[in-house]
Structures are given as C-alpha cells and as structure tokens.
C-alpha atoms as a PDB file:
ATOM      1  CA  MET A   1     -16.579 -18.412  24.597  1.00  0.00           C
ATOM      2  CA  ASP A   2     -13.733 -20.580  25.958  1.00  0.00           C
ATOM      3  CA  THR A   3     -12.972 -21.798  22.456  1.00  0.00           C
ATOM      4  CA  LEU A   4     -12.904 -18.248  21.081  1.00  0.00           C
ATOM      5  CA  THR A   5     -10.560 -17.195  23.883  1.00  0.00           C
ATOM      6  CA  ARG A   6      -8.235 -20.074  23.042  1.00  0.00           C
ATOM      7  CA  ILE A   7      -8.359 -19.323  19.324  1.00  0.00           C
ATOM      8  CA  ARG A   8      -7.587 -15.654  19.971  1.00  0.00           C
ATOM      9  CA  ALA A   9      -4.638 -16.634  22.176  1.00  0.00           C
ATOM     10  CA  PHE A  10      -3.286 -18.912  19.443  1.00  0.00           C
ATOM     11  CA  ILE A  11      -3.587 -16.168  16.821  1.00  0.00           C
ATOM     12  CA  ASP A  12      -1.956 -13.619  19.141  1.00  0.00           C
ATOM     13  CA  VAL A  13       1.015 -15.950  19.641  1.00  0.00           C
ATOM     14  CA  VAL A  14       1.380 -16.634  15.909  1.00  0.00           C
ATOM     15  CA  GLU A  15       1.170 -12.978  14.897  1.00  0.00           C
ATOM     16  CA  ALA A  16       3.577 -11.900  17.631  1.00  0.00           C
ATOM     17  CA  GLU A  17       5.912 -14.758  16.630  1.00  0.00           C
ATOM     18  CA  GLY A  18       6.251 -16.087  20.141  1.00  0.00           C
ATOM     19  CA  PHE A  19       4.666 -16.421  23.564  1.00  0.00           C
ATOM     20  CA  SER A  20       6.784 -13.741  25.246  1.00  0.00           C
ATOM     21  CA  ALA A  21       6.079 -11.158  22.553  1.00  0.00           C
ATOM     22  CA  ALA A  22       2.375 -12.025  22.591  1.00  0.00           C
ATOM     23  CA  ALA A  23       2.302 -11.628  26.367  1.00  0.00           C
ATOM     24  CA  ARG A  24       3.818  -8.159  26.105  1.00  0.00           C
ATOM     25  CA  ARG A  25       1.422  -7.164  23.324  1.00  0.00           C
ATOM     26  CA  THR A  26      -1.780  -8.477  24.943  1.00  0.00           C
ATOM     27  CA  GLY A  27      -1.015  -7.874  28.615  1.00  0.00           C
ATOM     28  CA  ARG A  28      -1.635 -11.538  29.439  1.00  0.00           C
ATOM     29  CA  SER A  29       0.941 -13.744  31.079  1.00  0.00           C
ATOM     30  CA  LYS A  30       3.056 -16.094  29.029  1.00  0.00           C
ATOM     31  CA  ALA A  31       1.858 -18.999  31.162  1.00  0.00           C
ATOM     32  CA  LEU A  32      -1.800 -18.170  30.509  1.00  0.00           C
ATOM     33  CA  LEU A  33      -1.293 -17.927  26.755  1.00  0.00           C
ATOM     34  CA  SER A  34       0.569 -21.233  26.788  1.00  0.00           C
ATOM     35  CA  LYS A  35      -2.309 -22.798  28.735  1.00  0.00           C
ATOM     36  CA  TYR A  36      -4.897 -21.558  26.240  1.00  0.00           C
ATOM     37  CA  VAL A  37      -2.936 -22.837  23.243  1.00  0.00           C
ATOM     38  CA  ARG A  38      -2.355 -26.194  24.886  1.00  0.00           C
ATOM     39  CA  GLU A  39      -6.086 -26.514  25.664  1.00  0.00           C
ATOM     40  CA  LEU A  40      -6.916 -25.661  22.046  1.00  0.00           C
ATOM     41  CA  GLU A  41      -4.536 -28.361  20.823  1.00  0.00           C
ATOM     42  CA  ASP A  42      -6.105 -30.856  23.221  1.00  0.00           C
ATOM     43  CA  GLU A  43      -9.559 -29.883  21.990  1.00  0.00           C
ATOM     44  CA  LEU A  44      -8.514 -30.358  18.356  1.00  0.00           C
ATOM     45  CA  GLY A  45      -6.378 -33.403  18.969  1.00  0.00           C
ATOM     46  CA  ALA A  46      -3.571 -31.879  16.907  1.00  0.00           C
ATOM     47  CA  LEU A  47      -0.282 -30.084  17.542  1.00  0.00           C
ATOM     48  CA  LEU A  48      -0.465 -26.521  16.218  1.00  0.00           C
ATOM     49  CA  LEU A  49       2.879 -25.122  17.360  1.00  0.00           C
ATOM     50  CA  ASN A  50       6.376 -26.533  17.575  1.00  0.00           C
ATOM     51  CA  ARG A  51       7.971 -24.859  20.560  1.00  0.00           C
ATOM     52  CA  THR A  52      11.310 -25.203  22.260  1.00  0.00           C
ATOM     53  CA  THR A  53      13.207 -22.843  24.522  1.00  0.00           C
ATOM     54  CA  ARG A  54      14.733 -21.059  21.517  1.00  0.00           C
ATOM     55  CA  GLN A  55      12.561 -21.795  18.489  1.00  0.00           C
ATOM     56  CA  PHE A  56       8.963 -21.271  17.501  1.00  0.00           C
ATOM     57  CA  SER A  57       7.162 -22.488  14.399  1.00  0.00           C
ATOM     58  CA  MET A  58       3.750 -23.623  13.238  1.00  0.00           C
ATOM     59  CA  THR A  59       3.031 -27.175  12.240  1.00  0.00           C
ATOM     60  CA  GLU A  60       1.245 -27.919   8.969  1.00  0.00           C
ATOM     61  CA  ALA A  61      -1.985 -28.265  10.946  1.00  0.00           C
ATOM     62  CA  GLY A  62      -1.205 -24.953  12.638  1.00  0.00           C
ATOM     63  CA  HIS A  63      -0.847 -23.172   9.289  1.00  0.00           C
ATOM     64  CA  THR A  64      -4.174 -24.575   8.095  1.00  0.00           C
ATOM     65  CA  TYR A  65      -5.949 -23.710  11.334  1.00  0.00           C
ATOM     66  CA  TYR A  66      -4.474 -20.205  11.526  1.00  0.00           C
ATOM     67  CA  ARG A  67      -5.620 -19.169   8.043  1.00  0.00           C
ATOM     68  CA  THR A  68      -9.246 -20.136   8.640  1.00  0.00           C
ATOM     69  CA  ALA A  69      -9.456 -19.215  12.313  1.00  0.00           C
ATOM     70  CA  SER A  70      -8.044 -15.739  11.750  1.00  0.00           C
ATOM     71  CA  ASP A  71     -10.665 -15.093   9.049  1.00  0.00           C
ATOM     72  CA  ILE A  72     -13.439 -16.255  11.381  1.00  0.00           C
ATOM     73  CA  LEU A  73     -12.234 -14.000  14.198  1.00  0.00           C
ATOM     74  CA  LYS A  74     -11.986 -11.048  11.839  1.00  0.00           C
ATOM     75  CA  GLU A  75     -15.607 -11.551  10.812  1.00  0.00           C
ATOM     76  CA  ILE A  76     -16.662 -11.712  14.475  1.00  0.00           C
ATOM     77  CA  ASP A  77     -14.716  -8.534  15.275  1.00  0.00           C
ATOM     78  CA  ASN A  78     -16.089  -6.797  12.179  1.00  0.00           C
ATOM     79  CA  LEU A  79     -19.648  -7.660  13.144  1.00  0.00           C
ATOM     80  CA  ALA A  80     -19.028  -6.272  16.631  1.00  0.00           C
ATOM     81  CA  ASP A  81     -17.647  -3.084  15.069  1.00  0.00           C
ATOM     82  CA  LEU A  82     -20.824  -2.629  13.071  1.00  0.00           C
ATOM     83  CA  VAL A  83     -22.919  -2.873  16.216  1.00  0.00           C
ATOM     84  CA  ARG A  84     -20.679  -0.534  18.200  1.00  0.00           C
ATOM     85  CA  GLU A  85     -20.040   1.914  15.389  1.00  0.00           C
ATOM     86  CA  ASN A  86     -22.693   4.480  16.290  1.00  0.00           C
ATOM     87  CA  ASN A  87     -22.054   4.256  20.012  1.00  0.00           C
ATOM     88  CA  ALA A  88     -18.299   4.527  20.385  1.00  0.00           C
ATOM     89  CA  GLN A  89     -15.137   5.849  18.808  1.00  0.00           C
ATOM     90  CA  LEU A  90     -13.000   3.635  16.609  1.00  0.00           C
ATOM     91  CA  LYS A  91     -10.612   1.448  18.562  1.00  0.00           C
ATOM     92  CA  GLY A  92      -8.107  -1.269  17.831  1.00  0.00           C
ATOM     93  CA  ARG A  93      -5.471  -1.519  15.129  1.00  0.00           C
ATOM     94  CA  LEU A  94      -5.700  -0.697  11.420  1.00  0.00           C
ATOM     95  CA  LYS A  95      -2.893  -2.205   9.354  1.00  0.00           C
ATOM     96  CA  VAL A  96      -2.386  -0.361   6.074  1.00  0.00           C
ATOM     97  CA  SER A  97      -0.044  -1.062   3.163  1.00  0.00           C
ATOM     98  CA  VAL A  98       1.010   2.115   1.342  1.00  0.00           C
ATOM     99  CA  PRO A  99       3.588   2.797  -1.392  1.00  0.00           C
ATOM    100  CA  ARG A 100       6.672   4.495   0.002  1.00  0.00           C
ATOM    101  CA  THR A 101       6.271   7.124  -2.718  1.00  0.00           C
ATOM    102  CA  PHE A 102       2.810   8.006  -1.370  1.00  0.00           C
ATOM    103  CA  VAL A 103       3.974   8.271   2.241  1.00  0.00           C
ATOM    104  CA  ASP A 104       6.938  10.491   1.395  1.00  0.00           C
ATOM    105  CA  ALA A 105       4.954  12.872  -0.820  1.00  0.00           C
ATOM    106  CA  ASP A 106       2.638  15.671   0.317  1.00  0.00           C
ATOM    107  CA  VAL A 107      -0.348  13.331  -0.056  1.00  0.00           C
ATOM    108  CA  GLY A 108       1.075  11.259   2.816  1.00  0.00           C
ATOM    109  CA  GLN A 109      -0.346  13.975   5.059  1.00  0.00           C
ATOM    110  CA  SER A 110      -3.739  12.316   4.540  1.00  0.00           C
ATOM    111  CA  LEU A 111      -2.623   9.396   6.711  1.00  0.00           C
ATOM    112  CA  ILE A 112      -1.333  11.695   9.441  1.00  0.00           C
ATOM    113  CA  ASP A 113      -4.574  13.680   9.413  1.00  0.00           C
ATOM    114  CA  PHE A 114      -6.592  10.463   9.740  1.00  0.00           C
ATOM    115  CA  ALA A 115      -4.496   9.331  12.709  1.00  0.00           C
ATOM    116  CA  LYS A 116      -4.909  12.734  14.318  1.00  0.00           C
ATOM    117  CA  GLU A 117      -8.700  12.599  14.021  1.00  0.00           C
ATOM    118  CA  ASN A 118      -8.907   9.010  15.323  1.00  0.00           C
ATOM    119  CA  PRO A 119      -6.554   8.929  18.335  1.00  0.00           C
ATOM    120  CA  ASN A 120      -8.042   5.735  19.783  1.00  0.00           C
ATOM    121  CA  LEU A 121      -7.297   3.773  16.626  1.00  0.00           C
ATOM    122  CA  GLN A 122      -3.735   2.533  16.255  1.00  0.00           C
ATOM    123  CA  LEU A 123      -2.719   3.120  12.648  1.00  0.00           C
ATOM    124  CA  GLU A 124       0.044   0.739  11.536  1.00  0.00           C
ATOM    125  CA  ILE A 125       1.478   1.909   8.213  1.00  0.00           C
ATOM    126  CA  ALA A 126       3.777  -0.365   6.225  1.00  0.00           C
ATOM    127  CA  ALA A 127       5.473   1.648   3.456  1.00  0.00           C
ATOM    128  CA  ASP A 128       6.505  -0.694   0.665  1.00  0.00           C
ATOM    129  CA  ASP A 129       6.509  -0.269  -3.108  1.00  0.00           C
ATOM    130  CA  ARG A 130       5.732  -3.936  -3.774  1.00  0.00           C
ATOM    131  CA  PHE A 131       2.167  -5.255  -4.041  1.00  0.00           C
ATOM    132  CA  VAL A 132       1.622  -7.080  -0.753  1.00  0.00           C
ATOM    133  CA  ASP A 133      -0.745 -10.009  -0.311  1.00  0.00           C
ATOM    134  CA  LEU A 134      -3.339  -8.407   1.957  1.00  0.00           C
ATOM    135  CA  ILE A 135      -4.816 -11.633   3.294  1.00  0.00           C
ATOM    136  CA  GLU A 136      -1.601 -13.615   3.645  1.00  0.00           C
ATOM    137  CA  GLU A 137       0.243 -10.731   5.335  1.00  0.00           C
ATOM    138  CA  GLY A 138      -2.636  -9.600   7.523  1.00  0.00           C
ATOM    139  CA  PHE A 139      -3.369  -6.143   6.105  1.00  0.00           C
ATOM    140  CA  ASP A 140      -6.773  -4.542   6.524  1.00  0.00           C
ATOM    141  CA  VAL A 141      -6.456  -2.239   3.519  1.00  0.00           C
ATOM    142  CA  ALA A 142      -3.916  -1.031   0.968  1.00  0.00           C
ATOM    143  CA  VAL A 143      -3.463   2.237  -0.900  1.00  0.00           C
ATOM    144  CA  ARG A 144      -2.340   1.536  -4.452  1.00  0.00           C
ATOM    145  CA  VAL A 145      -1.334   3.947  -7.196  1.00  0.00           C
ATOM    146  CA  THR A 146      -1.928   2.019 -10.367  1.00  0.00           C
ATOM    147  CA  LYS A 147      -4.112   1.021 -13.278  1.00  0.00           C
ATOM    148  CA  LEU A 148      -6.824  -1.080 -11.696  1.00  0.00           C
ATOM    149  CA  GLU A 149      -6.689  -4.718 -12.742  1.00  0.00           C
ATOM    150  CA  ASP A 150      -9.013  -7.612 -12.017  1.00  0.00           C
ATOM    151  CA  SER A 151      -8.410  -9.286  -8.684  1.00  0.00           C
ATOM    152  CA  GLY A 152     -10.247 -10.899  -5.806  1.00  0.00           C
ATOM    153  CA  MET A 153     -10.062  -7.621  -3.902  1.00  0.00           C
ATOM    154  CA  ILE A 154     -12.591  -4.824  -3.518  1.00  0.00           C
ATOM    155  CA  ALA A 155     -11.296  -1.461  -4.749  1.00  0.00           C
ATOM    156  CA  ARG A 156     -12.556   2.096  -4.406  1.00  0.00           C
ATOM    157  CA  LYS A 157     -11.022   4.951  -6.333  1.00  0.00           C
ATOM    158  CA  ILE A 158     -10.089   7.773  -3.985  1.00  0.00           C
ATOM    159  CA  SER A 159      -8.413  10.121  -6.464  1.00  0.00           C
ATOM    160  CA  ASP A 160      -7.377  10.553 -10.066  1.00  0.00           C
ATOM    161  CA  PHE A 161      -3.707  10.049 -10.851  1.00  0.00           C
ATOM    162  CA  ARG A 162      -1.396  10.566 -13.780  1.00  0.00           C
ATOM    163  CA  VAL A 163       2.291  10.724 -14.562  1.00  0.00           C
ATOM    164  CA  HIS A 164       4.237  13.355 -16.483  1.00  0.00           C
ATOM    165  CA  ILE A 165       7.135  13.173 -18.910  1.00  0.00           C
ATOM    166  CA  CYS A 166       9.083  16.288 -18.006  1.00  0.00           C
ATOM    167  CA  ALA A 167      12.401  18.102 -18.107  1.00  0.00           C
ATOM    168  CA  THR A 168      13.811  21.511 -17.277  1.00  0.00           C
ATOM    169  CA  PRO A 169      13.525  24.338 -19.819  1.00  0.00           C
ATOM    170  CA  GLU A 170      17.339  24.487 -19.944  1.00  0.00           C
ATOM    171  CA  PHE A 171      17.558  20.784 -20.826  1.00  0.00           C
ATOM    172  CA  LEU A 172      15.008  21.192 -23.614  1.00  0.00           C
ATOM    173  CA  GLU A 173      17.029  24.085 -25.044  1.00  0.00           C
ATOM    174  CA  ARG A 174      19.980  21.691 -25.386  1.00  0.00           C
ATOM    175  CA  TYR A 175      17.758  19.121 -27.137  1.00  0.00           C
ATOM    176  CA  PRO A 176      15.421  21.196 -29.335  1.00  0.00           C
ATOM    177  CA  ASN A 177      14.407  18.359 -31.677  1.00  0.00           C
ATOM    178  CA  ILE A 178      12.166  16.467 -29.235  1.00  0.00           C
ATOM    179  CA  GLU A 179       8.874  16.593 -31.121  1.00  0.00           C
ATOM    180  CA  HIS A 180       7.412  13.079 -30.765  1.00  0.00           C
ATOM    181  CA  PRO A 181       7.559  10.499 -27.941  1.00  0.00           C
ATOM    182  CA  THR A 182       9.894   8.311 -30.022  1.00  0.00           C
ATOM    183  CA  ASP A 183      12.472  11.101 -29.894  1.00  0.00           C
ATOM    184  CA  ILE A 184      13.157  10.527 -26.194  1.00  0.00           C
ATOM    185  CA  SER A 185      15.000   7.307 -27.036  1.00  0.00           C
ATOM    186  CA  ASN A 186      17.830   9.510 -28.352  1.00  0.00           C
ATOM    187  CA  VAL A 187      18.253  11.758 -25.294  1.00  0.00           C
ATOM    188  CA  PRO A 188      19.343  11.155 -21.685  1.00  0.00           C
ATOM    189  CA  PHE A 189      16.524   9.679 -19.584  1.00  0.00           C
ATOM    190  CA  ILE A 190      16.431   9.224 -15.791  1.00  0.00           C
ATOM    191  CA  VAL A 191      15.060   5.744 -15.156  1.00  0.00           C
ATOM    192  CA  ASP A 192      12.888   5.115 -12.090  1.00  0.00           C
ATOM    193  CA  THR A 193      13.367   1.389 -11.465  1.00  0.00           C
ATOM    194  CA  ASN A 194      10.122   1.221  -9.469  1.00  0.00           C
ATOM    195  CA  SER A 195       8.326   1.297 -12.799  1.00  0.00           C
ATOM    196  CA  ARG A 196       7.066  -2.070 -14.042  1.00  0.00           C
ATOM    197  CA  SER A 197       8.606  -1.406 -17.476  1.00  0.00           C
ATOM    198  CA  GLN A 198      11.874   0.086 -16.330  1.00  0.00           C
ATOM    199  CA  THR A 199      13.680   0.608 -19.635  1.00  0.00           C
ATOM    200  CA  SER A 200      10.734   1.547 -21.835  1.00  0.00           C
ATOM    201  CA  ILE A 201       7.822   3.961 -21.685  1.00  0.00           C
ATOM    202  CA  ARG A 202       4.424   3.064 -23.132  1.00  0.00           C
ATOM    203  CA  PHE A 203       2.521   5.788 -24.950  1.00  0.00           C
ATOM    204  CA  TYR A 204      -0.968   5.808 -26.449  1.00  0.00           C
ATOM    205  CA  ASN A 205      -2.104   7.267 -29.754  1.00  0.00           C
ATOM    206  CA  PRO A 206      -5.429   9.123 -30.030  1.00  0.00           C
ATOM    207  CA  ASP A 207      -7.015   5.917 -31.421  1.00  0.00           C
ATOM    208  CA  ASN A 208      -5.892   4.102 -28.218  1.00  0.00           C
ATOM    209  CA  THR A 209      -3.249   2.003 -29.962  1.00  0.00           C
ATOM    210  CA  SER A 210      -0.046   1.913 -27.960  1.00  0.00           C
ATOM    211  CA  PHE A 211       3.658   1.878 -28.645  1.00  0.00           C
ATOM    212  CA  ALA A 212       6.726   1.524 -26.425  1.00  0.00           C
ATOM    213  CA  VAL A 213       9.815   3.716 -26.503  1.00  0.00           C
ATOM    214  CA  ALA A 214      13.110   2.410 -25.127  1.00  0.00           C
ATOM    215  CA  VAL A 215      14.880   4.796 -22.758  1.00  0.00           C
ATOM    216  CA  SER A 216      18.286   4.958 -21.104  1.00  0.00           C
ATOM    217  CA  GLY A 217      20.463   7.542 -19.498  1.00  0.00           C
ATOM    218  CA  PRO A 218      22.965   8.589 -16.860  1.00  0.00           C
ATOM    219  CA  MET A 219      21.017   7.457 -13.800  1.00  0.00           C
ATOM    220  CA  GLU A 220      18.752   4.670 -12.555  1.00  0.00           C
ATOM    221  CA  VAL A 221      17.159   4.950  -9.125  1.00  0.00           C
ATOM    222  CA  ASN A 222      14.227   3.326  -7.290  1.00  0.00           C
ATOM    223  CA  SER A 223      12.860   6.594  -5.927  1.00  0.00           C
ATOM    224  CA  PRO A 224      10.520   9.065  -7.656  1.00  0.00           C
ATOM    225  CA  HIS A 225      11.776  11.803  -5.321  1.00  0.00           C
ATOM    226  CA  ALA A 226      15.378  11.198  -6.390  1.00  0.00           C
ATOM    227  CA  THR A 227      14.165  11.060  -9.991  1.00  0.00           C
ATOM    228  CA  LEU A 228      12.574  14.477  -9.504  1.00  0.00           C
ATOM    229  CA  ARG A 229      15.764  15.952  -8.056  1.00  0.00           C
ATOM    230  CA  ALA A 230      17.780  14.524 -10.933  1.00  0.00           C
ATOM    231  CA  ALA A 231      15.361  15.995 -13.483  1.00  0.00           C
ATOM    232  CA  LEU A 232      15.523  19.388 -11.771  1.00  0.00           C
ATOM    233  CA  SER A 233      19.323  19.242 -11.982  1.00  0.00           C
ATOM    234  CA  GLY A 234      18.977  19.066 -15.757  1.00  0.00           C
ATOM    235  CA  ILE A 235      20.644  15.726 -16.462  1.00  0.00           C
ATOM    236  CA  GLY A 236      17.731  14.187 -18.327  1.00  0.00           C
ATOM    237  CA  ILE A 237      14.030  13.677 -18.996  1.00  0.00           C
ATOM    238  CA  ALA A 238      12.016  11.793 -16.399  1.00  0.00           C
ATOM    239  CA  LEU A 239       8.676  10.088 -15.842  1.00  0.00           C
ATOM    240  CA  ILE A 240       7.336  11.428 -12.514  1.00  0.00           C
ATOM    241  CA  PRO A 241       4.023  11.010 -10.654  1.00  0.00           C
ATOM    242  CA  ASP A 242       1.765  14.054 -10.691  1.00  0.00           C
ATOM    243  CA  PHE A 243       1.582  14.420  -6.908  1.00  0.00           C
ATOM    244  CA  ILE A 244       5.373  14.718  -6.787  1.00  0.00           C
ATOM    245  CA  ALA A 245       6.003  16.822  -9.902  1.00  0.00           C
ATOM    246  CA  ARG A 246       3.059  19.210  -9.631  1.00  0.00           C
ATOM    247  CA  LYS A 247       4.775  22.083  -7.785  1.00  0.00           C
ATOM    248  CA  PRO A 248       7.874  22.341 -10.014  1.00  0.00           C
ATOM    249  CA  ILE A 249       5.609  22.088 -13.067  1.00  0.00           C
ATOM    250  CA  GLU A 250       3.369  24.877 -11.789  1.00  0.00           C
ATOM    251  CA  ASP A 251       6.292  27.188 -11.019  1.00  0.00           C
ATOM    252  CA  GLY A 252       7.950  26.529 -14.388  1.00  0.00           C
ATOM    253  CA  ARG A 253      11.012  24.616 -13.209  1.00  0.00           C
ATOM    254  CA  LEU A 254       9.809  21.607 -15.210  1.00  0.00           C
ATOM    255  CA  VAL A 255       8.051  21.444 -18.560  1.00  0.00           C
ATOM    256  CA  THR A 256       5.715  18.564 -19.450  1.00  0.00           C
ATOM    257  CA  LEU A 257       5.919  16.726 -22.756  1.00  0.00           C
ATOM    258  CA  PHE A 258       3.487  14.621 -24.783  1.00  0.00           C
ATOM    259  CA  ASN A 259       0.530  14.894 -22.398  1.00  0.00           C
ATOM    260  CA  ASP A 260      -1.810  13.710 -25.167  1.00  0.00           C
ATOM    261  CA  TYR A 261       0.096  10.430 -25.421  1.00  0.00           C
ATOM    262  CA  ILE A 262       0.071   9.543 -21.729  1.00  0.00           C
ATOM    263  CA  PRO A 263      -2.742   7.252 -20.485  1.00  0.00           C
ATOM    264  CA  THR A 264      -5.222   8.696 -18.010  1.00  0.00           C
ATOM    265  CA  ASP A 265      -6.656   5.397 -16.743  1.00  0.00           C
ATOM    266  CA  ARG A 266      -4.537   5.399 -13.585  1.00  0.00           C
ATOM    267  CA  GLY A 267      -5.826   6.216 -10.141  1.00  0.00           C
ATOM    268  CA  ILE A 268      -5.193   6.085  -6.412  1.00  0.00           C
ATOM    269  CA  TYR A 269      -7.241   3.222  -4.994  1.00  0.00           C
ATOM    270  CA  ALA A 270      -8.086   1.837  -1.592  1.00  0.00           C
ATOM    271  CA  VAL A 271      -8.044  -1.951  -1.892  1.00  0.00           C
ATOM    272  CA  TYR A 272      -9.307  -4.401   0.714  1.00  0.00           C
ATOM    273  CA  PRO A 273     -10.308  -8.068   0.937  1.00  0.00           C
ATOM    274  CA  HIS A 274     -13.883  -9.027   0.236  1.00  0.00           C
ATOM    275  CA  ARG A 275     -15.559  -9.783   3.547  1.00  0.00           C
ATOM    276  CA  ARG A 276     -19.147 -10.311   4.549  1.00  0.00           C
ATOM    277  CA  TYR A 277     -18.880  -7.692   7.271  1.00  0.00           C
ATOM    278  CA  LEU A 278     -16.644  -4.825   6.192  1.00  0.00           C
ATOM    279  CA  PRO A 279     -14.833  -3.517   9.283  1.00  0.00           C
ATOM    280  CA  ALA A 280     -16.079  -0.084  10.300  1.00  0.00           C
ATOM    281  CA  LYS A 281     -12.481   1.083  10.663  1.00  0.00           C
ATOM    282  CA  VAL A 282     -11.748   0.181   7.020  1.00  0.00           C
ATOM    283  CA  ARG A 283     -14.878   1.844   5.669  1.00  0.00           C
ATOM    284  CA  ILE A 284     -14.268   5.010   7.692  1.00  0.00           C
ATOM    285  CA  PHE A 285     -10.597   5.078   6.634  1.00  0.00           C
ATOM    286  CA  VAL A 286     -11.507   4.771   2.947  1.00  0.00           C
ATOM    287  CA  ASP A 287     -14.253   7.405   3.260  1.00  0.00           C
ATOM    288  CA  TYR A 288     -11.783   9.728   4.969  1.00  0.00           C
ATOM    289  CA  LEU A 289      -9.182   9.410   2.212  1.00  0.00           C
ATOM    290  CA  HIS A 290     -11.819   9.945  -0.463  1.00  0.00           C
ATOM    291  CA  ASN A 291     -12.991  13.158   1.217  1.00  0.00           C
ATOM    292  CA  TRP A 292      -9.411  14.282   1.960  1.00  0.00           C
ATOM    293  CA  PHE A 293      -8.525  14.163  -1.734  1.00  0.00           C
ATOM    294  CA  LYS A 294     -11.662  16.084  -2.606  1.00  0.00           C
ATOM    295  CA  LYS A 295     -10.414  18.862  -0.338  1.00  0.00           C
ATOM    296  CA  HIS A 296      -6.828  18.547  -1.618  1.00  0.00           C
ATOM    297  CA  PRO A 297      -7.200  17.762  -5.331  1.00  0.00           C
END
C-alpha cells in the first residue's frame, strides 16, 4: 500500500506538472508529495524527477516509469470501479477528446446531458479536431467522426454519419449545368480545411470505384459552421456534415447534390484504449451516447 501511495503521488505530480499544482489538485501538502516521491526514488534507486526552484522535468527513467506505472494504476482503479459499480454513483474524472465540430453542433448536447445525469463525475472535455493519442495524452475515451480504420483501439459505433454536397437554390440557378460530380470543379467551392483532402472531393460510383474532383473557390476556412454560413450566403457549394446541415436542408435553404456518389461508410464512434478492465465510467459514457443518439437520430 505504501508503494501504491508513492506511485500515485508521483503520477499526480507529473500530470499536474509540478508539486504545487499537484498539492492544490489532490489536497495534500507539497511537502508530503515531495516526501512520497523521494521515498519512491530511494526504493527504486533511480532519480525520476529533475526539480529546482523554477523548473520541473522527468528524467529518462521517470518517463519510462510513468508510462508503465500509470497503466498499472488505471487497471487497479478500473477493477475497483467494477466492484463498486452496482453500489455507488460514478465518481472521479472522465477525460474525453471530442472534435470541436461535434461540441459546437446540436449533438454536443449529448455531452451536457451526460454531465447533468452524472453530477459526481467530473467530465473533462478537450475539443480538438486533430486525432489525439489517447494513451500518450491520458484520455479515457474519444468521440471520432470518421471512417473507421484499423488501430490498436477499441471502437463502438454510436451513430451513423454522412456528409452532404450542398448549395442554395439561388446559387444553383446561377449554375444550372451542374449535372455530375466532376462539374463542381468549374464552380466556386467553399473549402473546409479540416478535411483530410482539402482541395479535392472523393466520390464513389455505384460499382464502388472512386474518383477525385479538384475544388477551389472564394473561401477556405477550418470550421464547418463557417462553411455552412458561407454556403447559405450563396457564394459557393460546400461539403458539410449532416448534423450541421440537416436543418437548412430540411427547410429548403440548402439543396443536396450527388447523394448517390457520396460514401456512407462513415460514422460517429467512441474510441478507447484496450484494457483488461474497462472502466465503468467509460462503458457507461459510451452506452449513454449510443442511447442518446437513438433518441435523437
């Protein structure tokens, strides 16, 4: 138990990036945390942290020890969660990586609803459109809007997802000769630079062969919401996620094009590291999102 206490103190200091910050976060004194880390170093016979009055860093041994020790502690905590699950409410912290697009859209309400129903669980949401390294950056789970690819992660699909090529009816009146996906290379296109293939759109024929169409236009922006507003203003065609474009499509402000050429193998996934004992908080979070999207298709 003493060793576990020392390991936990070391991990708290590393993740808080300093003894003072760790003391504030854990409610333990700085002196006590320093004592635990020093005892752990003595036990291991190795220096884990370089510390001066102004600087803090891990040694090479510290990096190695942190990666393995943090995984071991997570497994211990996860096992405890499984035992406590039926006897207590969820507690602790759940660190989630979510695309900024997801958070800002109506579907971001799913995260708020989860937090509301689990007040004893601290939900830490990091909105970022890049694919984070869950293990290296300490995330419990990620929500990803993508085509699922092979990885060392476990993934569960929580909702279908597609994108739309769309424009206003007024824009299409000005460009009446758009009859095939290749035609969009000759008209103004609003480029969302969050897309992996920023200057081309990939379409699929009925026989599943694909072809790319180069696009360009008056505006490039790394925001699907700004892309939507630009499309609604009538300055070009745009590629927009369904959960953002659905309302203006339903009320006729936008018209979709070439639906039969757009792949339908995308989805919204919950992705998490493979662990022997899946944390109860992760499983319940993923189950909640899956059920939320069933109620809000």
